[in-house]
Protein backbone atom coordinates (compact mmCIF):
# COMPACT_ATOMS: atom_id res chain seq x y z
CA MET A 1 -10.76 -32.40 -5.87
CA LYS A 2 -8.00 -35.12 -6.26
CA ASN A 3 -5.39 -32.67 -7.63
CA ASN A 4 -6.38 -30.26 -4.68
CA LYS A 5 -5.65 -33.07 -2.06
CA ASP A 6 -2.41 -33.80 -3.68
CA LEU A 7 -1.37 -30.05 -3.47
CA LEU A 8 -2.85 -29.76 -0.05
CA ASP A 9 -0.89 -32.79 1.33
CA ILE A 10 2.39 -31.32 -0.30
CA MET A 11 1.62 -27.94 1.41
CA LEU A 12 0.94 -29.47 4.60
CA GLN A 13 4.17 -31.38 4.68
CA ASN A 14 6.09 -28.22 3.76
CA TYR A 15 4.15 -26.55 6.65
CA MET A 16 5.10 -29.20 9.05
CA GLN A 17 8.85 -28.94 8.08
CA LYS A 18 8.90 -25.17 8.56
CA VAL A 19 6.99 -25.29 12.07
CA GLY A 20 9.33 -28.00 13.45
CA LYS A 21 8.75 -30.70 16.13
CA ASP A 22 6.18 -28.92 18.20
CA LEU A 23 3.63 -29.55 15.77
CA LEU A 24 2.15 -33.19 15.98
CA ALA A 25 -0.37 -33.09 13.08
CA ALA A 26 -1.88 -30.64 10.51
CA LEU A 27 -5.21 -31.64 8.91
CA ILE A 28 -8.10 -30.20 6.86
CA ILE A 29 -11.43 -31.56 7.18
CA ASP A 30 -14.76 -30.65 5.24
CA SER A 31 -18.46 -30.36 6.37
CA GLU A 32 -18.93 -34.03 5.75
CA SER A 33 -16.24 -34.82 8.43
CA LYS A 34 -13.90 -36.10 5.70
CA ILE A 35 -10.14 -35.45 5.98
CA ILE A 36 -9.05 -33.85 2.68
CA GLY A 37 -5.68 -33.07 3.32
CA SER A 38 -3.22 -34.18 6.21
CA SER A 39 0.28 -34.47 7.35
CA PRO A 40 0.48 -36.39 10.70
CA LYS A 41 3.79 -37.24 12.09
CA ASN A 42 4.68 -40.83 13.04
CA SER A 43 4.34 -40.52 16.89
CA ASP A 44 3.49 -42.73 19.85
CA ILE A 45 1.86 -39.76 21.39
CA LEU A 46 -0.48 -39.21 18.66
CA SER A 47 -1.49 -42.27 16.69
CA LYS A 48 -4.04 -42.20 13.73
CA ASP A 49 -6.81 -43.46 16.16
CA LYS A 50 -5.94 -40.77 18.57
CA ILE A 51 -6.23 -38.20 15.77
CA PHE A 52 -9.92 -39.46 14.82
CA GLU A 53 -10.78 -39.47 18.49
CA ILE A 54 -9.80 -35.82 18.88
CA LEU A 55 -11.56 -34.77 15.62
CA ASN A 56 -14.77 -36.59 16.52
CA LYS A 57 -14.80 -35.15 20.06
CA PHE A 58 -14.09 -31.42 19.42
CA ILE A 59 -14.95 -30.88 15.64
CA ILE A 60 -16.69 -33.45 13.73
CA SER A 61 -19.61 -33.86 16.27
CA LYS A 62 -20.47 -30.34 16.00
CA TYR A 63 -20.87 -30.59 12.30
CA LYS A 64 -23.08 -33.55 12.63
CA ASN A 65 -25.40 -31.59 14.83
CA HIS A 66 -25.35 -29.14 12.00
CA ASP A 67 -23.84 -26.52 14.36
CA LYS A 68 -20.59 -24.47 13.67
CA LEU A 69 -17.44 -24.57 15.79
CA SER A 70 -17.90 -21.02 16.29
CA LYS A 71 -19.45 -18.06 14.65
CA THR A 72 -17.36 -17.08 11.52
CA ASN A 73 -16.77 -13.18 11.15
CA SER A 74 -17.96 -11.11 8.50
CA LYS A 75 -14.67 -11.75 6.43
CA GLY A 76 -15.66 -15.57 6.23
CA PHE A 77 -13.21 -17.06 8.67
CA ARG A 78 -12.68 -17.66 12.33
CA ASN A 79 -9.68 -18.83 14.47
CA ILE A 80 -9.85 -20.45 17.84
CA ILE A 81 -7.78 -22.32 20.21
CA ILE A 82 -9.09 -25.45 22.13
CA ASP A 83 -7.20 -26.76 25.07
CA THR A 84 -7.56 -30.26 26.30
CA ASP A 85 -5.77 -32.41 29.05
CA GLN A 86 -3.44 -33.67 26.58
CA PHE A 87 -3.39 -31.59 23.56
CA ARG A 88 -3.86 -28.09 22.17
CA LEU A 89 -5.93 -27.40 18.90
CA ILE A 90 -5.56 -24.39 16.69
CA LEU A 91 -8.31 -24.06 14.27
CA CYS A 92 -9.13 -21.76 11.41
CA GLU A 93 -12.77 -22.35 10.02
CA PHE A 94 -13.49 -21.06 6.51
CA LYS A 95 -16.97 -20.56 4.48
CA PRO A 96 -17.89 -22.82 3.17
CA LYS A 97 -17.22 -25.42 5.89
CA TYR A 98 -13.68 -26.28 5.86
CA VAL A 99 -11.43 -26.26 8.87
CA PHE A 100 -7.74 -26.19 9.10
CA VAL A 101 -6.73 -27.96 12.18
CA ASN A 102 -3.13 -28.06 14.10
CA ILE A 103 -2.61 -30.45 16.93
CA LEU A 104 0.18 -29.81 19.54
CA ASN A 105 0.94 -30.90 22.92
CA ALA A 106 -0.99 -29.27 25.74
CA LEU A 107 1.73 -27.28 27.10
CA ASP A 108 3.41 -26.19 23.67
CA SER A 109 3.55 -22.49 22.87
CA VAL A 110 1.71 -21.19 19.68
CA ASP A 111 3.83 -18.18 19.25
CA TYR A 112 6.17 -19.78 16.69
CA ILE A 113 3.59 -21.49 15.06
CA PHE A 114 1.03 -18.63 14.50
CA PRO A 115 2.80 -16.72 11.86
CA TYR A 116 3.22 -19.97 9.61
CA PHE A 117 -0.50 -21.04 10.50
CA PHE A 118 -2.06 -17.97 9.00
CA LEU A 119 0.35 -18.07 5.92
CA CYS A 120 -0.76 -21.58 5.28
CA ALA A 121 -4.37 -20.89 6.10
CA GLU A 122 -4.46 -18.01 3.51
CA LYS A 123 -3.11 -20.48 0.82
CA ILE A 124 -5.65 -23.16 1.73
CA LYS A 125 -8.39 -20.43 1.43
CA GLN A 126 -7.21 -19.35 -2.05
CA LEU A 127 -7.01 -22.90 -3.21
CA PHE A 128 -10.56 -23.58 -2.19
CA GLU A 129 -11.54 -20.31 -4.03
CA GLY A 130 -10.06 -21.79 -7.20
CA THR A 131 -6.69 -19.68 -7.09
CA LEU A 132 -3.60 -21.25 -8.41
CA ILE A 133 -1.05 -21.58 -5.51
CA SER A 134 2.37 -22.77 -4.77
CA PRO A 135 2.67 -25.39 -2.12
CA THR A 136 5.85 -23.97 -0.82
CA LEU A 137 5.99 -21.71 2.14
CA PRO A 138 8.72 -18.89 2.52
CA SER A 139 10.87 -18.69 5.54
CA LEU A 140 9.81 -16.16 8.42
CA TYR A 141 12.00 -14.28 10.57
CA VAL A 142 10.08 -15.48 13.58
CA ASP A 143 13.32 -15.31 15.81
CA ASN A 144 16.84 -14.25 15.09
CA LYS A 145 18.04 -17.46 13.66
CA ASN A 146 17.30 -16.12 10.09
CA GLN A 147 18.49 -12.57 10.53
CA THR A 148 22.07 -13.27 9.00
CA GLU A 149 20.40 -14.15 5.69
CA TYR A 150 18.37 -11.00 5.58
CA ILE A 151 21.44 -8.96 6.60
CA ASN A 152 23.67 -10.29 4.05
CA ARG A 153 21.13 -9.85 1.22
CA ARG A 154 20.65 -6.24 2.35
CA ARG A 155 24.30 -5.57 2.10
CA GLU A 156 24.47 -7.21 -1.18
CA ILE A 157 21.60 -4.87 -2.55
CA THR A 158 23.08 -1.77 -1.16
CA SER A 159 26.75 -2.55 -1.95
CA GLY A 160 26.61 -1.10 -5.51
CA LEU A 161 28.39 -4.29 -6.65
CA ILE A 162 25.52 -5.93 -8.56
CA ARG A 163 25.78 -5.80 -12.35
CA ASP A 164 23.11 -4.95 -14.80
CA HIS A 165 20.67 -7.63 -15.66
CA ASP A 166 21.09 -9.16 -12.18
CA ILE A 167 17.86 -9.84 -10.27
CA TYR A 168 17.12 -7.84 -7.10
CA LYS A 169 15.40 -10.01 -4.81
CA LEU A 170 13.14 -7.63 -2.56
CA LYS A 171 10.83 -8.46 0.21
CA LEU A 172 7.84 -5.97 -0.24
CA ILE A 173 5.16 -5.73 2.29
CA MET A 174 1.73 -4.15 1.87
CA CYS A 175 0.38 -2.50 5.00
CA GLY A 176 -2.94 -0.75 5.79
CA ASP A 177 -6.20 -1.34 7.39
CA GLU A 178 -8.72 -3.95 6.02
CA GLY A 179 -10.71 -2.89 3.15
CA VAL A 180 -8.28 -0.02 1.81
CA GLY A 181 -7.46 -2.43 -1.28
CA LYS A 182 -3.99 -3.84 -0.68
CA THR A 183 -4.91 -6.96 -2.40
CA SER A 184 -6.71 -5.47 -5.13
CA ILE A 185 -3.39 -3.20 -5.74
CA ILE A 186 -1.39 -6.50 -5.95
CA THR A 187 -3.98 -8.25 -8.23
CA ARG A 188 -4.00 -5.29 -10.55
CA PHE A 189 -0.25 -5.22 -10.64
CA VAL A 190 0.30 -8.84 -11.09
CA THR A 191 -2.62 -9.82 -13.37
CA GLY A 192 -3.46 -6.47 -14.83
CA SER A 193 -7.18 -7.02 -13.67
CA PHE A 194 -9.60 -6.02 -11.04
CA SER A 195 -12.00 -8.16 -9.07
CA GLN A 196 -14.95 -7.01 -6.86
CA ASN A 197 -14.98 -10.50 -5.15
CA LEU A 198 -11.78 -10.64 -3.40
CA SER A 199 -12.02 -12.22 0.02
CA ALA A 200 -10.28 -10.88 3.11
CA THR A 201 -6.83 -11.99 3.69
CA ILE A 202 -6.29 -14.53 6.59
CA GLY A 203 -3.02 -13.18 8.50
CA VAL A 204 -0.79 -12.80 5.34
CA ASN A 205 -0.65 -13.63 1.62
CA HIS A 206 2.45 -14.08 -0.29
CA LYS A 207 3.19 -13.58 -4.10
CA LEU A 208 6.15 -13.45 -6.32
CA TYR A 209 6.35 -11.24 -9.28
CA ASP A 210 9.28 -9.99 -11.52
CA TYR A 211 9.27 -6.38 -12.58
CA ASN A 212 11.65 -4.77 -15.30
CA ILE A 213 12.89 -1.23 -14.98
CA LYS A 214 15.36 -0.39 -17.78
CA ASN A 215 18.08 -3.05 -17.48
CA TYR A 216 17.20 -3.97 -13.92
CA VAL A 217 14.92 -6.99 -12.92
CA PHE A 218 13.26 -6.70 -9.54
CA ARG A 219 11.72 -9.84 -7.94
CA PHE A 220 9.26 -8.70 -5.66
CA TYR A 221 8.32 -11.16 -2.79
CA ILE A 222 5.01 -9.50 -2.11
CA TRP A 223 3.59 -9.99 1.60
CA ASP A 224 0.04 -8.79 1.76
CA LEU A 225 -0.69 -8.22 5.64
CA ALA A 226 -4.06 -8.76 6.96
CA GLY A 227 -5.63 -5.30 8.06
CA GLU A 228 -7.73 -6.57 10.99
CA ARG A 229 -6.60 -5.54 14.45
CA TYR A 230 -6.59 -9.29 15.44
CA PHE A 231 -3.53 -9.81 13.43
CA ARG A 232 -1.54 -6.91 14.82
CA LYS A 233 0.49 -8.91 17.13
CA LEU A 234 1.76 -11.02 14.06
CA ARG A 235 2.96 -7.76 12.05
CA HIS A 236 6.33 -7.68 13.69
CA THR A 237 7.13 -11.32 12.31
CA TYR A 238 5.88 -10.71 8.73
CA CYS A 239 7.55 -7.36 8.47
CA ARG A 240 10.97 -8.56 9.65
CA GLY A 241 13.51 -8.52 7.00
CA SER A 242 11.51 -6.42 4.61
CA ASP A 243 13.29 -4.24 2.09
CA VAL A 244 10.63 -2.22 0.80
CA GLY A 245 6.94 -1.62 1.24
CA MET A 246 3.69 0.48 0.94
CA LEU A 247 1.65 2.08 3.47
CA VAL A 248 -1.78 2.06 2.10
CA TYR A 249 -5.15 4.06 3.14
CA ASP A 250 -8.53 4.52 1.54
CA VAL A 251 -8.96 8.16 0.51
CA THR A 252 -12.61 7.86 1.39
CA ARG A 253 -11.93 6.62 4.81
CA TRP A 254 -10.44 8.90 7.16
CA GLU A 255 -9.67 6.55 9.86
CA SER A 256 -7.66 4.38 7.54
CA PHE A 257 -5.27 7.36 6.99
CA ILE A 258 -5.11 8.15 10.71
CA ASN A 259 -4.16 4.43 11.55
CA ILE A 260 -1.23 4.91 9.01
CA LYS A 261 0.84 6.32 12.05
CA ARG A 262 0.37 2.99 13.80
CA TRP A 263 1.30 1.00 10.85
CA TYR A 264 4.36 3.11 10.19
CA LYS A 265 5.46 2.54 13.78
CA ASP A 266 4.99 -1.19 13.68
CA VAL A 267 6.74 -1.62 10.45
CA MET A 268 9.65 0.56 11.45
CA ASN A 269 10.12 -1.33 14.67
CA ALA A 270 10.31 -4.60 13.00
CA ALA A 271 12.38 -3.32 9.91
CA PRO A 272 14.23 -0.10 10.54
CA GLU A 273 15.85 0.10 7.24
CA VAL A 274 12.73 -0.65 5.08
CA ILE A 275 12.06 1.81 2.23
CA LEU A 276 8.48 3.03 2.28
CA ILE A 277 6.15 4.87 0.19
CA LEU A 278 2.47 6.34 1.18
CA VAL A 279 -0.21 5.35 -1.01
CA GLY A 280 -3.65 6.67 -1.25
CA ASN A 281 -5.88 4.22 -3.01
CA LYS A 282 -9.66 4.47 -4.45
CA VAL A 283 -9.25 8.05 -6.25
CA ASP A 284 -11.82 6.67 -8.59
CA LEU A 285 -14.23 7.63 -5.74
CA GLU A 286 -13.18 11.28 -5.86
CA SER A 287 -16.71 12.53 -5.00
CA GLU A 288 -16.39 10.50 -1.78
CA ARG A 289 -12.90 11.64 -0.76
CA LYS A 290 -12.44 12.41 2.91
CA VAL A 291 -8.58 12.73 3.09
CA PRO A 292 -7.39 15.95 1.19
CA ARG A 293 -4.47 15.16 -0.91
CA ILE A 294 -2.67 18.13 0.43
CA GLU A 295 -2.87 16.87 3.98
CA ALA A 296 -1.63 13.41 2.88
CA ASP A 297 1.15 14.99 1.02
CA GLU A 298 2.33 16.90 4.04
CA PHE A 299 1.95 13.77 6.25
CA ALA A 300 4.23 11.97 3.88
CA ARG A 301 6.91 14.76 3.83
CA ASN A 302 7.09 14.78 7.57
CA LEU A 303 7.82 11.19 7.57
CA GLY A 304 10.29 11.40 4.71
CA LEU A 305 8.05 9.32 2.38
CA LEU A 306 7.28 9.67 -1.23
CA TYR A 307 3.45 10.04 -1.75
CA LEU A 308 1.36 8.48 -4.61
CA GLU A 309 -2.47 8.22 -5.24
CA THR A 310 -3.86 5.29 -6.93
CA SER A 311 -6.88 3.19 -8.18
CA ALA A 312 -6.93 -0.35 -8.34
CA LEU A 313 -10.13 -0.25 -10.25
CA ASN A 314 -8.89 1.58 -13.33
CA GLY A 315 -5.06 0.86 -12.81
CA LEU A 316 -3.96 4.57 -12.08
CA ASN A 317 -0.41 4.93 -10.77
CA ILE A 318 -0.50 0.96 -9.70
CA GLU A 319 2.66 0.13 -11.88
CA GLU A 320 4.37 3.48 -10.90
CA ALA A 321 3.99 2.56 -7.26
CA PHE A 322 5.92 -0.45 -7.60
CA GLY A 323 8.23 1.03 -9.95
CA LEU A 324 8.81 3.82 -7.41
CA LEU A 325 10.00 1.34 -4.81
CA GLY A 326 12.39 -0.19 -7.32
CA ILE A 327 13.83 3.10 -8.32
CA GLN A 328 14.38 4.00 -4.49
CA ILE A 329 16.43 0.85 -4.26
CA LEU A 330 18.59 1.76 -7.20
CA LEU A 331 18.95 5.15 -5.76
CA GLU A 332 20.14 3.89 -2.49
CA LYS A 333 22.75 1.85 -4.42
CA LYS A 334 23.77 5.15 -6.32
CA LYS A 335 23.26 3.09 -9.36
CA ILE A 336 21.21 5.64 -11.27
CA ASP A 337 19.93 9.12 -11.47
CA ILE A 338 16.08 9.24 -10.96
CA GLU A 339 15.87 11.98 -13.79
CA GLY A 340 16.99 9.30 -16.15
CA LEU A 341 13.99 7.15 -15.39
CA ASN A 342 11.11 9.44 -14.78
CA ASP A 343 10.05 9.85 -18.33
CA HIS A 344 10.10 6.06 -19.05
CA TYR A 345 9.20 4.33 -16.04
CA ILE A 346 7.09 6.47 -13.92
CA LYS A 347 5.09 9.53 -14.48
CA PRO A 348 7.13 12.94 -14.05
CA ARG A 349 7.35 14.32 -10.64
CA ILE A 350 3.94 16.23 -9.78
CA ARG A 351 4.25 19.80 -10.76
CA LYS A 352 3.39 22.51 -8.25
CA VAL A 353 1.26 25.58 -9.06
CA PHE A 354 1.48 28.74 -6.86
CA LEU A 355 -1.89 30.31 -7.02
CA CYS A 356 -1.35 34.38 -6.78
CA HIS A 357 -4.74 36.11 -6.07
CA SER A 358 -6.74 38.74 -4.20
CA SER A 359 -8.33 37.36 -0.92
CA ASN A 360 -11.57 39.01 -2.40
CA ASP A 361 -11.58 36.13 -4.92
CA LYS A 362 -10.93 33.35 -2.47
CA TYR A 363 -14.05 31.31 -3.32
CA PHE A 364 -12.93 30.98 -6.93
CA VAL A 365 -9.38 30.26 -6.05
CA LYS A 366 -10.36 27.68 -3.44
CA ASN A 367 -12.55 25.76 -5.99
CA LEU A 368 -9.66 25.97 -8.63
CA ALA A 369 -7.04 24.55 -6.17
CA LYS A 370 -9.27 21.59 -5.51
CA SER A 371 -9.88 21.06 -9.23
CA LEU A 372 -5.93 21.11 -9.96
CA ILE A 373 -5.28 18.77 -6.90
CA GLY A 374 -7.77 16.24 -8.49
CA ARG A 375 -5.62 16.33 -11.61
CA ASP A 376 -2.56 15.26 -9.88
CA LEU A 377 -1.14 18.60 -9.43
CA LYS A 378 0.30 20.22 -6.30
CA VAL A 379 -0.96 23.52 -5.42
CA TRP A 380 0.58 26.40 -3.25
CA TYR A 381 -2.55 27.98 -1.61
CA ASP A 382 -2.23 30.59 1.09
CA GLU A 383 -4.73 29.28 3.44
CA TRP A 384 -3.05 25.64 3.27
CA GLU A 385 0.45 26.97 3.47
CA MET A 386 0.37 29.88 5.87
CA LYS A 387 0.83 29.30 9.62
CA VAL A 388 0.69 31.81 12.62
CA GLY A 389 4.01 33.50 13.09
CA ASP A 390 5.19 32.83 9.39
CA SER A 391 6.92 35.59 7.74
CA LEU A 392 4.61 36.56 4.81
CA LYS A 393 7.51 37.68 2.31
CA LEU A 394 9.74 34.81 2.97
CA LYS A 395 6.96 32.21 2.69
CA ILE A 396 5.65 33.55 -0.39
CA GLN A 397 9.34 33.79 -1.93
CA THR A 398 10.07 30.11 -0.98
CA GLY A 399 6.59 29.04 -2.36
CA ILE A 400 7.28 30.74 -5.64
CA LYS A 401 10.91 29.36 -5.77
CA GLU A 402 9.63 25.85 -5.10
CA SER A 403 6.78 25.84 -7.61
CA SER A 404 6.81 24.95 -11.41
CA TYR A 405 4.37 27.69 -12.26
CA LEU A 406 2.45 30.55 -10.77
CA GLY A 407 -1.13 30.90 -11.68
CA ILE A 408 -2.23 34.62 -11.29
CA ILE A 409 -5.89 34.83 -10.98
CA LEU A 410 -6.83 38.11 -12.77
CA SER A 411 -9.66 40.18 -11.54
CA PRO A 412 -10.23 44.13 -10.68
CA ASP A 413 -9.34 43.27 -7.10
CA SER A 414 -6.19 41.36 -7.81
CA VAL A 415 -4.52 43.85 -10.32
CA ASN A 416 -4.90 46.47 -7.80
CA SER A 417 -3.54 44.44 -4.91
CA PRO A 418 0.09 45.34 -3.65
CA TRP A 419 0.50 41.51 -2.44
CA VAL A 420 -0.55 40.23 -5.83
CA ASN A 421 1.95 42.77 -7.64
CA PHE A 422 4.73 41.68 -5.18
CA GLU A 423 4.23 38.04 -6.13
CA LEU A 424 4.01 38.84 -9.86
CA ASN A 425 7.27 40.73 -9.92
CA SER A 426 8.82 37.91 -8.00
CA ALA A 427 7.62 35.47 -10.82
CA LEU A 428 8.71 37.78 -13.56
CA ILE A 429 12.33 37.64 -12.23
CA LYS A 430 12.12 33.72 -11.94
CA GLU A 431 10.64 33.52 -15.55
CA LEU A 432 13.31 35.74 -17.00
CA LYS A 433 16.19 34.04 -15.13
CA GLU A 434 15.16 30.55 -16.12
CA LYS A 435 14.07 31.32 -19.59
CA LYS A 436 11.04 29.15 -19.58
CA VAL A 437 7.06 29.67 -19.06
CA PHE A 438 6.52 30.22 -15.36
CA ILE A 439 3.60 32.68 -15.26
CA LEU A 440 -0.02 31.47 -16.27
CA PRO A 441 -2.60 34.11 -16.64
CA ILE A 442 -5.95 32.95 -15.47
CA LEU A 443 -8.73 35.52 -16.22
CA PHE A 444 -11.54 35.39 -13.62
CA LYS A 445 -13.17 38.65 -14.26
CA ASP A 446 -12.96 41.52 -16.71
CA CYS A 447 -10.14 43.76 -15.62
CA GLU A 448 -7.10 45.81 -17.02
CA ILE A 449 -4.44 43.24 -17.99
CA PRO A 450 -0.97 44.27 -16.56
CA ASP A 451 1.52 45.28 -19.26
CA SER A 452 3.91 42.54 -18.32
CA LEU A 453 1.12 39.69 -19.12
CA LYS A 454 -0.44 41.36 -22.34
CA GLY A 455 1.63 39.15 -24.66
CA LYS A 456 0.70 35.99 -22.94
CA LEU A 457 -2.27 33.46 -23.71
CA TYR A 458 -4.66 33.31 -20.83
CA ALA A 459 -7.04 30.73 -19.52
CA ASP A 460 -10.47 32.43 -19.75
CA PHE A 461 -12.89 31.41 -16.86
CA ARG A 462 -15.18 34.40 -17.42
CA LYS A 463 -17.93 32.46 -19.45
CA SER A 464 -17.23 28.75 -18.59
CA TYR A 465 -15.33 27.32 -15.61
CA ALA A 466 -15.10 23.97 -17.52
CA GLU A 467 -13.62 25.50 -20.67
CA GLY A 468 -11.17 27.52 -18.47
CA ILE A 469 -9.92 24.55 -16.51
CA GLU A 470 -9.73 22.58 -19.81
CA THR A 471 -7.42 25.32 -21.21
CA LEU A 472 -5.31 25.57 -18.15
CA LEU A 473 -4.60 21.90 -17.98
CA GLU A 474 -3.46 21.91 -21.46
CA ARG A 475 -0.18 23.42 -20.06
CA PHE A 476 0.38 20.41 -17.82
């Protein structure tokens, strides 16, 4: 505890310096009424005796009566303000019983203090949980006085003058509702591990991590924003000055996806030039999925965002998500061509498969579409793509043009369908023109194979769906 106390005292001193003259004292007390960390100012207004008097009257006496200051929420902390005739107390109570106490003059505003208060409270919580922390606190853009620093840094990043091997210092914000896995994503990225026992973030958490992409080094200053609505009023402060960020939702919770719109609005109001990507987390729970990938992908396109699905549990696409943000900065600087990095630093862009079929085979095709989406492929499926008033031919031709492959579902109905033949002919023209494999025959039922496809190997689904999908996926 001695080492912790020394660390707490240093951090509280740094905290007092950041917050400024309005804060008279910052202390931490435990359930045994002991002060285990403090940084009072030398003041005629607030002597040490006065501090003990305040603590005893409003805090310690409640613990002696085996009572809590207030009911902590399900996440293990509670924030309250106590106003007296002379002073204002800001408290954050943790489980187990620790209280972070700030003492101000009665009429002082808490607006400037709150953003730093929760940042410091999160560090205190982590220290008590056994996590190694830094006692330093980063500067916040609470008002306009630090905006010049951000503007100059942003100009430096985007100017194109930074040479290879220089470090790009980027403020990265993690946004999304509580429980979507933001902290788990960060932990997986920074430590390569996953923990089921991560506690909820109080206000904001802050980490630093260097990440290499080719000859470039990105120093991510990662800000993990609490998802609880209570902290929404502080998001503007924490988001200001951000360079890049992730909007994270849980693919098994529809509400967390709907709320991304509000997060996007809050972030863009605070940092209009920030580069964002949309991240759907917890894809390891595919059987519980509530948000279809195709819907999230369309939502991201409408906002002009790149979209990625991840799993903090098994590490799927975690490093790729952070790498994608770094690549976007390099692209903004026109420093690199993204094609030169795809094969080495992020997975190749998701390929799109156009499903050519008869409407009579729709039940099979819909299941196939879902299977392909579950394997990180995009799918052009008419029910999902066609809208009232669309030109059928134009929509189909555009879909074929933008797809990486055309999967033709072969059955007695499809080989006799005029629309299927129209799509097949369009695909044959593209395959001949591009001189690479584009058409993928998928044999669903016994039928007469079209002459143009007789020389091609097909994925056979007639006896076993599992064997058919395995054969088809080998192409990707």
